[in-house]
Amino acid sequence: MNLLSKIIIPIVVLGITLYGFRKKVNLYESFLIGAKEGLVMTFHIAPSIIAMVFATNLFLNSDFINYFFRFLHPLFQTIHIPIEILPMAFVRPISGTASLAILNNILMIYGPDSFVGRLASTLQGCTDTTIYVLALYFGSIKVTKTGHALGVGLFADLMGILASFVIVSIFFG
């Protein structure tokens, strides 16, 4: 298997090259056109990425999440949901990297085999970075009306969060 993984990319590149020769395509010119289009796409996507990273860092460094969830602690304590997981559930649709950092922190403190660790791991896999995806992909093609996509994406994230609570409670609760 290791040998196959080392030779698969050169085989694909060789296959594309042979196909191009067979179809009489100027491969070097086609490569340069593709590289140019890739750079143009990068310049279109970069502002969306920079804005999203800036907004996420501003939001996370403001400590708003910790103050907000302290207020909700009694409610979640009565329904047996650990408060430690809420910042991750809140941040996950915004930033995958930030939620991964919170997951790492949870696993360092509570361990991977704890209820909170299993819940955080399941939550990481059950949800997506909806707002990041919308900002990146829709921003790159200049789509401005994202209301329905945002609503559906956040609803899917909410269902993923609820499913992770239910599944982990059933199997590990």
C-alpha atoms as a PDB file:
ATOM      1  CA  MET A   1       0.000   0.000   0.000  1.00  0.00           C
ATOM      2  CA  ASN A   2       2.859   2.389   0.802  1.00  0.00           C
ATOM      3  CA  LEU A   3       4.400   1.805  -2.638  1.00  0.00           C
ATOM      4  CA  LEU A   4       1.060   2.447  -4.336  1.00  0.00           C
ATOM      5  CA  SER A   5       0.608   5.745  -2.502  1.00  0.00           C
ATOM      6  CA  LYS A   6       4.065   6.886  -3.625  1.00  0.00           C
ATOM      7  CA  ILE A   7       3.541   6.133  -7.300  1.00  0.00           C
ATOM      8  CA  ILE A   8      -0.109   7.088  -7.835  1.00  0.00           C
ATOM      9  CA  ILE A   9       0.487  10.839  -8.399  1.00  0.00           C
ATOM     10  CA  PRO A  10       3.307  10.342 -10.938  1.00  0.00           C
ATOM     11  CA  ILE A  11       1.102   7.821 -12.767  1.00  0.00           C
ATOM     12  CA  VAL A  12      -1.786  10.312 -12.899  1.00  0.00           C
ATOM     13  CA  VAL A  13       0.527  13.102 -14.149  1.00  0.00           C
ATOM     14  CA  LEU A  14       1.996  10.770 -16.774  1.00  0.00           C
ATOM     15  CA  GLY A  15      -1.492   9.731 -17.863  1.00  0.00           C
ATOM     16  CA  ILE A  16      -2.612  13.348 -18.248  1.00  0.00           C
ATOM     17  CA  THR A  17       0.558  14.152 -20.201  1.00  0.00           C
ATOM     18  CA  LEU A  18       0.088  11.215 -22.563  1.00  0.00           C
ATOM     19  CA  TYR A  19      -3.575  12.111 -23.060  1.00  0.00           C
ATOM     20  CA  GLY A  20      -2.574  15.696 -23.898  1.00  0.00           C
ATOM     21  CA  PHE A  21       0.006  14.511 -26.435  1.00  0.00           C
ATOM     22  CA  ARG A  22      -2.545  12.177 -27.999  1.00  0.00           C
ATOM     23  CA  LYS A  23      -5.086  15.025 -28.344  1.00  0.00           C
ATOM     24  CA  LYS A  24      -2.309  17.355 -29.641  1.00  0.00           C
ATOM     25  CA  VAL A  25      -2.737  19.897 -26.841  1.00  0.00           C
ATOM     26  CA  ASN A  26       0.032  22.379 -26.060  1.00  0.00           C
ATOM     27  CA  LEU A  27       0.595  21.140 -22.502  1.00  0.00           C
ATOM     28  CA  TYR A  28       2.916  23.914 -21.360  1.00  0.00           C
ATOM     29  CA  GLU A  29       0.552  26.650 -22.553  1.00  0.00           C
ATOM     30  CA  SER A  30      -2.431  24.878 -20.969  1.00  0.00           C
ATOM     31  CA  PHE A  31      -0.494  24.550 -17.714  1.00  0.00           C
ATOM     32  CA  LEU A  32       0.338  28.270 -17.707  1.00  0.00           C
ATOM     33  CA  ILE A  33      -3.302  29.193 -18.384  1.00  0.00           C
ATOM     34  CA  GLY A  34      -4.419  26.974 -15.502  1.00  0.00           C
ATOM     35  CA  ALA A  35      -1.781  28.433 -13.187  1.00  0.00           C
ATOM     36  CA  LYS A  36      -2.847  31.962 -14.117  1.00  0.00           C
ATOM     37  CA  GLU A  37      -6.514  31.139 -13.457  1.00  0.00           C
ATOM     38  CA  GLY A  38      -5.498  29.633 -10.101  1.00  0.00           C
ATOM     39  CA  LEU A  39      -3.709  32.828  -9.103  1.00  0.00           C
ATOM     40  CA  VAL A  40      -6.677  34.956 -10.151  1.00  0.00           C
ATOM     41  CA  MET A  41      -8.985  32.733  -8.083  1.00  0.00           C
ATOM     42  CA  THR A  42      -6.625  33.061  -5.117  1.00  0.00           C
ATOM     43  CA  PHE A  43      -6.816  36.853  -5.342  1.00  0.00           C
ATOM     44  CA  HIS A  44     -10.625  36.661  -5.452  1.00  0.00           C
ATOM     45  CA  ILE A  45     -10.802  34.352  -2.434  1.00  0.00           C
ATOM     46  CA  ALA A  46      -8.138  36.046  -0.279  1.00  0.00           C
ATOM     47  CA  PRO A  47     -10.236  39.025   0.939  1.00  0.00           C
ATOM     48  CA  SER A  48     -12.991  36.692   2.147  1.00  0.00           C
ATOM     49  CA  ILE A  49     -10.502  34.510   4.006  1.00  0.00           C
ATOM     50  CA  ILE A  50      -8.731  37.477   5.587  1.00  0.00           C
ATOM     51  CA  ALA A  51     -12.029  39.036   6.705  1.00  0.00           C
ATOM     52  CA  MET A  52     -13.229  35.733   8.185  1.00  0.00           C
ATOM     53  CA  VAL A  53      -9.976  35.117  10.075  1.00  0.00           C
ATOM     54  CA  PHE A  54      -9.991  38.689  11.423  1.00  0.00           C
ATOM     55  CA  ALA A  55     -13.626  38.485  12.565  1.00  0.00           C
ATOM     56  CA  THR A  56     -13.112  35.071  14.178  1.00  0.00           C
ATOM     57  CA  ASN A  57     -10.017  36.167  16.079  1.00  0.00           C
ATOM     58  CA  LEU A  58     -11.743  39.356  17.228  1.00  0.00           C
ATOM     59  CA  PHE A  59     -14.750  37.366  18.424  1.00  0.00           C
ATOM     60  CA  LEU A  60     -12.725  34.672  20.216  1.00  0.00           C
ATOM     61  CA  ASN A  61     -10.308  37.072  21.877  1.00  0.00           C
ATOM     62  CA  SER A  62     -13.108  39.259  23.248  1.00  0.00           C
ATOM     63  CA  ASP A  63     -14.122  36.563  25.823  1.00  0.00           C
ATOM     64  CA  PHE A  64     -17.767  37.144  24.891  1.00  0.00           C
ATOM     65  CA  ILE A  65     -18.380  33.397  24.690  1.00  0.00           C
ATOM     66  CA  ASN A  66     -17.242  32.705  28.249  1.00  0.00           C
ATOM     67  CA  TYR A  67     -19.411  35.467  29.714  1.00  0.00           C
ATOM     68  CA  PHE A  68     -22.421  34.399  27.666  1.00  0.00           C
ATOM     69  CA  PHE A  69     -22.182  30.748  28.679  1.00  0.00           C
ATOM     70  CA  ARG A  70     -21.735  31.526  32.385  1.00  0.00           C
ATOM     71  CA  PHE A  71     -25.207  33.047  32.208  1.00  0.00           C
ATOM     72  CA  LEU A  72     -26.606  29.821  30.702  1.00  0.00           C
ATOM     73  CA  HIS A  73     -24.820  27.473  33.135  1.00  0.00           C
ATOM     74  CA  PRO A  74     -27.827  26.745  35.414  1.00  0.00           C
ATOM     75  CA  LEU A  75     -30.047  25.867  32.451  1.00  0.00           C
ATOM     76  CA  PHE A  76     -27.575  23.430  30.925  1.00  0.00           C
ATOM     77  CA  GLN A  77     -26.740  21.935  34.297  1.00  0.00           C
ATOM     78  CA  THR A  78     -30.382  20.912  34.756  1.00  0.00           C
ATOM     79  CA  ILE A  79     -30.481  19.112  31.390  1.00  0.00           C
ATOM     80  CA  HIS A  80     -27.072  17.446  32.014  1.00  0.00           C
ATOM     81  CA  ILE A  81     -25.153  19.066  29.176  1.00  0.00           C
ATOM     82  CA  PRO A  82     -21.588  19.977  30.164  1.00  0.00           C
ATOM     83  CA  ILE A  83     -21.017  23.719  29.867  1.00  0.00           C
ATOM     84  CA  GLU A  84     -17.458  23.099  28.639  1.00  0.00           C
ATOM     85  CA  ILE A  85     -18.770  21.942  25.265  1.00  0.00           C
ATOM     86  CA  LEU A  86     -20.871  25.027  24.511  1.00  0.00           C
ATOM     87  CA  PRO A  87     -18.068  27.317  23.291  1.00  0.00           C
ATOM     88  CA  MET A  88     -17.071  24.642  20.791  1.00  0.00           C
ATOM     89  CA  ALA A  89     -20.675  24.151  19.634  1.00  0.00           C
ATOM     90  CA  PHE A  90     -21.013  27.897  19.190  1.00  0.00           C
ATOM     91  CA  VAL A  91     -17.700  28.432  17.382  1.00  0.00           C
ATOM     92  CA  ARG A  92     -17.792  25.361  15.123  1.00  0.00           C
ATOM     93  CA  PRO A  93     -20.001  26.903  12.387  1.00  0.00           C
ATOM     94  CA  ILE A  94     -17.706  29.936  12.300  1.00  0.00           C
ATOM     95  CA  SER A  95     -14.209  28.475  12.352  1.00  0.00           C
ATOM     96  CA  GLY A  96     -12.906  24.941  12.086  1.00  0.00           C
ATOM     97  CA  THR A  97      -9.486  25.914  13.399  1.00  0.00           C
ATOM     98  CA  ALA A  98     -10.907  27.656  16.458  1.00  0.00           C
ATOM     99  CA  SER A  99     -13.193  24.726  17.237  1.00  0.00           C
ATOM    100  CA  LEU A 100     -10.260  22.340  16.803  1.00  0.00           C
ATOM    101  CA  ALA A 101      -8.278  24.417  19.309  1.00  0.00           C
ATOM    102  CA  ILE A 102     -11.190  24.223  21.767  1.00  0.00           C
ATOM    103  CA  LEU A 103     -11.413  20.453  21.149  1.00  0.00           C
ATOM    104  CA  ASN A 104      -7.697  20.123  21.851  1.00  0.00           C
ATOM    105  CA  ASN A 105      -8.106  22.070  25.089  1.00  0.00           C
ATOM    106  CA  ILE A 106     -11.048  19.878  26.153  1.00  0.00           C
ATOM    107  CA  LEU A 107      -9.094  16.696  25.401  1.00  0.00           C
ATOM    108  CA  MET A 108      -6.064  17.976  27.326  1.00  0.00           C
ATOM    109  CA  ILE A 109      -8.153  18.838  30.396  1.00  0.00           C
ATOM    110  CA  TYR A 110     -10.720  16.016  30.466  1.00  0.00           C
ATOM    111  CA  GLY A 111      -9.126  13.315  28.309  1.00  0.00           C
ATOM    112  CA  PRO A 112     -10.420  11.656  25.154  1.00  0.00           C
ATOM    113  CA  ASP A 113     -12.326   8.922  26.993  1.00  0.00           C
ATOM    114  CA  SER A 114     -14.327  11.271  29.209  1.00  0.00           C
ATOM    115  CA  PHE A 115     -17.933  12.127  28.431  1.00  0.00           C
ATOM    116  CA  VAL A 116     -16.944  15.701  27.546  1.00  0.00           C
ATOM    117  CA  GLY A 117     -14.061  14.464  25.363  1.00  0.00           C
ATOM    118  CA  ARG A 118     -16.280  12.045  23.461  1.00  0.00           C
ATOM    119  CA  LEU A 119     -18.970  14.675  23.095  1.00  0.00           C
ATOM    120  CA  ALA A 120     -16.480  17.240  21.768  1.00  0.00           C
ATOM    121  CA  SER A 121     -15.017  14.733  19.316  1.00  0.00           C
ATOM    122  CA  THR A 122     -18.457  13.734  18.049  1.00  0.00           C
ATOM    123  CA  LEU A 123     -19.476  17.373  17.750  1.00  0.00           C
ATOM    124  CA  GLN A 124     -16.376  18.111  15.681  1.00  0.00           C
ATOM    125  CA  GLY A 125     -17.424  15.407  13.221  1.00  0.00           C
ATOM    126  CA  CYS A 126     -21.175  16.130  13.182  1.00  0.00           C
ATOM    127  CA  THR A 127     -21.012  19.775  12.164  1.00  0.00           C
ATOM    128  CA  ASP A 128     -19.408  21.926   9.503  1.00  0.00           C
ATOM    129  CA  THR A 129     -17.909  25.393   9.286  1.00  0.00           C
ATOM    130  CA  THR A 130     -20.984  26.838   7.600  1.00  0.00           C
ATOM    131  CA  ILE A 131     -20.232  30.549   7.893  1.00  0.00           C
ATOM    132  CA  TYR A 132     -16.634  30.033   6.780  1.00  0.00           C
ATOM    133  CA  VAL A 133     -17.745  27.990   3.764  1.00  0.00           C
ATOM    134  CA  LEU A 134     -20.345  30.584   2.782  1.00  0.00           C
ATOM    135  CA  ALA A 135     -17.879  33.454   3.155  1.00  0.00           C
ATOM    136  CA  LEU A 136     -15.194  31.653   1.175  1.00  0.00           C
ATOM    137  CA  TYR A 137     -17.156  30.103  -1.665  1.00  0.00           C
ATOM    138  CA  PHE A 138     -19.932  32.628  -2.066  1.00  0.00           C
ATOM    139  CA  GLY A 139     -17.482  35.484  -1.595  1.00  0.00           C
ATOM    140  CA  SER A 140     -15.209  34.117  -4.311  1.00  0.00           C
ATOM    141  CA  ILE A 141     -18.007  34.215  -6.900  1.00  0.00           C
ATOM    142  CA  LYS A 142     -19.571  37.444  -5.590  1.00  0.00           C
ATOM    143  CA  VAL A 143     -22.861  35.943  -4.341  1.00  0.00           C
ATOM    144  CA  THR A 144     -24.446  38.423  -1.945  1.00  0.00           C
ATOM    145  CA  LYS A 145     -27.821  36.838  -1.171  1.00  0.00           C
ATOM    146  CA  THR A 146     -26.871  33.970   1.127  1.00  0.00           C
ATOM    147  CA  GLY A 147     -29.854  34.054   3.492  1.00  0.00           C
ATOM    148  CA  HIS A 148     -31.401  30.710   2.553  1.00  0.00           C
ATOM    149  CA  ALA A 149     -28.050  28.921   2.340  1.00  0.00           C
ATOM    150  CA  LEU A 150     -27.039  30.344   5.715  1.00  0.00           C
ATOM    151  CA  GLY A 151     -30.329  29.308   7.315  1.00  0.00           C
ATOM    152  CA  VAL A 152     -30.163  25.770   5.952  1.00  0.00           C
ATOM    153  CA  GLY A 153     -26.483  25.414   6.874  1.00  0.00           C
ATOM    154  CA  LEU A 154     -26.980  26.635  10.439  1.00  0.00           C
ATOM    155  CA  PHE A 155     -30.052  24.400  10.817  1.00  0.00           C
ATOM    156  CA  ALA A 156     -27.956  21.419   9.678  1.00  0.00           C
ATOM    157  CA  ASP A 157     -25.287  22.412  12.218  1.00  0.00           C
ATOM    158  CA  LEU A 158     -27.915  22.634  14.962  1.00  0.00           C
ATOM    159  CA  MET A 159     -29.181  19.166  14.054  1.00  0.00           C
ATOM    160  CA  GLY A 160     -25.589  17.884  14.121  1.00  0.00           C
ATOM    161  CA  ILE A 161     -25.047  19.405  17.561  1.00  0.00           C
ATOM    162  CA  LEU A 162     -28.271  17.900  18.905  1.00  0.00           C
ATOM    163  CA  ALA A 163     -27.497  14.534  17.296  1.00  0.00           C
ATOM    164  CA  SER A 164     -24.056  14.488  18.893  1.00  0.00           C
ATOM    165  CA  PHE A 165     -25.564  15.165  22.342  1.00  0.00           C
ATOM    166  CA  VAL A 166     -28.153  12.409  21.880  1.00  0.00           C
ATOM    167  CA  ILE A 167     -25.753   9.832  20.404  1.00  0.00           C
ATOM    168  CA  VAL A 168     -23.033  10.357  23.001  1.00  0.00           C
ATOM    169  CA  SER A 169     -25.615  10.324  25.814  1.00  0.00           C
ATOM    170  CA  ILE A 170     -27.070   7.033  24.550  1.00  0.00           C
ATOM    171  CA  PHE A 171     -23.761   5.258  24.032  1.00  0.00           C
ATOM    172  CA  PHE A 172     -21.570   6.801  26.748  1.00  0.00           C
ATOM    173  CA  GLY A 173     -23.977   8.548  29.153  1.00  0.00           C
END
